[in-house]
Amino acid sequence: MHECSRAGCRAEATTTITWRNPKIHDESRKKVWIACDAHNTFLIEFLTSRGFPVEVTPFIPEETA
């Protein structure tokens, strides 16, 4: 199971949030958080309120062999 990135949350992730801090990273450096349905809006608002560029996509776990 892939757990939400929100502190203390153990719910299954459904959203991928890719972001970066433009004050300290160039466009090649991106961070990824995954979020459950209950926390995706909170995490997105947390990042955008700080002026960070954010890209939101559905979370699709990579299959392991």
N, C-alpha and C. Protein backbone atom coordinates (compact mmCIF):
# COMPACT_ATOMS: atom_id res chain seq x y z
N MET A 1 0.84 -1.18 0.00
CA MET A 1 0.00 0.00 0.00
C MET A 1 0.89 1.25 0.00
N HIS A 2 0.47 2.26 -0.71
CA HIS A 2 1.18 3.54 -0.77
C HIS A 2 0.41 4.53 0.09
N GLU A 3 1.02 4.97 1.19
CA GLU A 3 0.35 5.83 2.15
C GLU A 3 0.49 7.31 1.81
N CYS A 4 -0.52 8.06 2.18
CA CYS A 4 -0.57 9.51 2.02
C CYS A 4 0.64 10.16 2.69
N SER A 5 1.14 11.24 2.09
CA SER A 5 2.29 11.97 2.63
C SER A 5 1.94 12.88 3.80
N ARG A 6 0.67 13.11 4.07
CA ARG A 6 0.26 13.95 5.20
C ARG A 6 0.71 13.28 6.49
N ALA A 7 1.33 14.03 7.36
CA ALA A 7 1.84 13.49 8.63
C ALA A 7 0.75 12.75 9.39
N GLY A 8 1.05 11.53 9.77
CA GLY A 8 0.14 10.75 10.58
C GLY A 8 -0.95 10.03 9.81
N CYS A 9 -1.08 10.28 8.51
CA CYS A 9 -2.13 9.64 7.72
C CYS A 9 -1.62 8.31 7.16
N ARG A 10 -2.45 7.30 7.28
CA ARG A 10 -2.08 5.99 6.77
C ARG A 10 -3.01 5.53 5.63
N ALA A 11 -3.80 6.46 5.11
CA ALA A 11 -4.76 6.14 4.06
C ALA A 11 -4.04 5.90 2.73
N GLU A 12 -4.70 5.18 1.86
CA GLU A 12 -4.18 4.86 0.53
C GLU A 12 -4.12 6.13 -0.33
N ALA A 13 -2.99 6.34 -0.99
CA ALA A 13 -2.81 7.51 -1.86
C ALA A 13 -3.60 7.36 -3.15
N THR A 14 -4.18 8.49 -3.61
CA THR A 14 -4.93 8.51 -4.87
C THR A 14 -4.45 9.61 -5.81
N THR A 15 -3.62 10.53 -5.30
CA THR A 15 -3.18 11.70 -6.05
C THR A 15 -1.67 11.86 -5.92
N THR A 16 -1.02 12.25 -7.03
CA THR A 16 0.39 12.60 -7.01
C THR A 16 0.51 14.12 -7.11
N ILE A 17 1.30 14.70 -6.21
CA ILE A 17 1.52 16.14 -6.20
C ILE A 17 3.01 16.37 -6.42
N THR A 18 3.36 16.90 -7.58
CA THR A 18 4.75 17.19 -7.91
C THR A 18 4.96 18.68 -7.74
N TRP A 19 6.02 19.06 -7.01
CA TRP A 19 6.24 20.46 -6.70
C TRP A 19 7.72 20.76 -6.54
N ARG A 20 8.02 22.06 -6.46
CA ARG A 20 9.39 22.50 -6.19
C ARG A 20 9.36 23.86 -5.54
N ASN A 21 10.44 24.17 -4.83
CA ASN A 21 10.60 25.49 -4.23
C ASN A 21 11.51 26.29 -5.16
N PRO A 22 10.95 27.21 -5.94
CA PRO A 22 11.75 27.94 -6.93
C PRO A 22 12.80 28.86 -6.32
N LYS A 23 12.70 29.15 -5.04
CA LYS A 23 13.70 30.01 -4.40
C LYS A 23 15.02 29.27 -4.19
N ILE A 24 14.96 27.94 -4.12
CA ILE A 24 16.19 27.18 -3.86
C ILE A 24 16.48 26.09 -4.88
N HIS A 25 15.51 25.78 -5.78
CA HIS A 25 15.73 24.72 -6.77
C HIS A 25 15.38 25.21 -8.17
N ASP A 26 16.17 24.77 -9.15
CA ASP A 26 15.82 25.10 -10.53
C ASP A 26 14.74 24.13 -11.01
N GLU A 27 14.33 24.27 -12.27
CA GLU A 27 13.22 23.48 -12.79
C GLU A 27 13.49 21.98 -12.87
N SER A 28 14.75 21.59 -12.80
CA SER A 28 15.06 20.15 -12.88
C SER A 28 14.87 19.44 -11.54
N ARG A 29 14.78 20.19 -10.45
CA ARG A 29 14.65 19.59 -9.11
C ARG A 29 13.19 19.64 -8.68
N LYS A 30 12.54 18.48 -8.63
CA LYS A 30 11.14 18.42 -8.23
C LYS A 30 10.97 17.40 -7.11
N LYS A 31 10.02 17.67 -6.25
CA LYS A 31 9.68 16.76 -5.16
C LYS A 31 8.31 16.17 -5.44
N VAL A 32 8.05 14.99 -4.89
CA VAL A 32 6.77 14.33 -5.11
C VAL A 32 6.17 13.93 -3.77
N TRP A 33 4.93 14.33 -3.57
CA TRP A 33 4.13 13.85 -2.45
C TRP A 33 2.98 13.07 -3.04
N ILE A 34 2.49 12.10 -2.29
CA ILE A 34 1.27 11.41 -2.69
C ILE A 34 0.23 11.66 -1.60
N ALA A 35 -1.03 11.75 -2.02
CA ALA A 35 -2.08 12.14 -1.08
C ALA A 35 -3.32 11.27 -1.23
N CYS A 36 -4.02 11.09 -0.11
CA CYS A 36 -5.31 10.41 -0.13
C CYS A 36 -6.39 11.44 -0.51
N ASP A 37 -7.60 10.96 -0.73
CA ASP A 37 -8.70 11.86 -1.08
C ASP A 37 -8.97 12.89 0.01
N ALA A 38 -8.78 12.52 1.27
CA ALA A 38 -9.07 13.43 2.37
C ALA A 38 -8.04 14.54 2.51
N HIS A 39 -6.82 14.34 2.01
CA HIS A 39 -5.76 15.34 2.24
C HIS A 39 -5.20 15.99 0.98
N ASN A 40 -5.64 15.60 -0.21
CA ASN A 40 -5.05 16.20 -1.41
C ASN A 40 -5.28 17.70 -1.48
N THR A 41 -6.45 18.18 -1.15
CA THR A 41 -6.71 19.62 -1.18
C THR A 41 -5.86 20.35 -0.15
N PHE A 42 -5.75 19.81 1.05
CA PHE A 42 -4.92 20.43 2.08
C PHE A 42 -3.47 20.57 1.61
N LEU A 43 -2.89 19.50 1.08
CA LEU A 43 -1.49 19.53 0.66
C LEU A 43 -1.28 20.48 -0.52
N ILE A 44 -2.19 20.48 -1.47
CA ILE A 44 -2.10 21.37 -2.62
C ILE A 44 -2.17 22.83 -2.17
N GLU A 45 -3.11 23.14 -1.29
CA GLU A 45 -3.25 24.51 -0.79
C GLU A 45 -2.03 24.93 0.03
N PHE A 46 -1.47 24.01 0.80
CA PHE A 46 -0.26 24.28 1.58
C PHE A 46 0.87 24.72 0.66
N LEU A 47 1.06 24.02 -0.44
CA LEU A 47 2.15 24.33 -1.37
C LEU A 47 1.88 25.59 -2.19
N THR A 48 0.68 25.72 -2.73
CA THR A 48 0.38 26.88 -3.58
C THR A 48 0.34 28.17 -2.78
N SER A 49 -0.03 28.11 -1.49
CA SER A 49 -0.04 29.32 -0.67
C SER A 49 1.37 29.87 -0.47
N ARG A 50 2.37 29.03 -0.67
CA ARG A 50 3.76 29.45 -0.57
C ARG A 50 4.36 29.84 -1.92
N GLY A 51 3.53 29.79 -2.96
CA GLY A 51 3.98 30.19 -4.29
C GLY A 51 4.76 29.11 -5.02
N PHE A 52 4.67 27.86 -4.55
CA PHE A 52 5.40 26.78 -5.21
C PHE A 52 4.63 26.29 -6.43
N PRO A 53 5.31 26.07 -7.56
CA PRO A 53 4.64 25.47 -8.71
C PRO A 53 4.23 24.03 -8.36
N VAL A 54 2.99 23.68 -8.70
CA VAL A 54 2.44 22.38 -8.34
C VAL A 54 1.80 21.74 -9.57
N GLU A 55 2.03 20.45 -9.75
CA GLU A 55 1.37 19.67 -10.79
C GLU A 55 0.66 18.52 -10.09
N VAL A 56 -0.62 18.34 -10.40
CA VAL A 56 -1.43 17.31 -9.75
C VAL A 56 -1.90 16.30 -10.79
N THR A 57 -1.65 15.02 -10.51
CA THR A 57 -2.06 13.94 -11.39
C THR A 57 -2.58 12.78 -10.55
N PRO A 58 -3.35 11.89 -11.15
CA PRO A 58 -3.78 10.70 -10.42
C PRO A 58 -2.56 9.87 -10.01
N PHE A 59 -2.62 9.25 -8.86
CA PHE A 59 -1.53 8.38 -8.42
C PHE A 59 -1.72 7.01 -9.03
N ILE A 60 -0.70 6.57 -9.77
CA ILE A 60 -0.71 5.25 -10.37
C ILE A 60 0.55 4.54 -9.89
N PRO A 61 0.39 3.59 -8.96
CA PRO A 61 1.59 2.92 -8.45
C PRO A 61 2.29 2.11 -9.54
N GLU A 62 3.61 2.12 -9.47
CA GLU A 62 4.37 1.30 -10.40
C GLU A 62 4.23 -0.15 -9.99
N GLU A 63 4.05 -0.99 -10.97
CA GLU A 63 3.93 -2.42 -10.67
C GLU A 63 5.31 -2.98 -10.41
N THR A 64 5.40 -3.86 -9.44
CA THR A 64 6.67 -4.51 -9.14
C THR A 64 6.63 -5.94 -9.62
N ALA A 65 7.76 -6.41 -10.09
CA ALA A 65 7.83 -7.78 -10.62
C ALA A 65 8.07 -8.78 -9.51
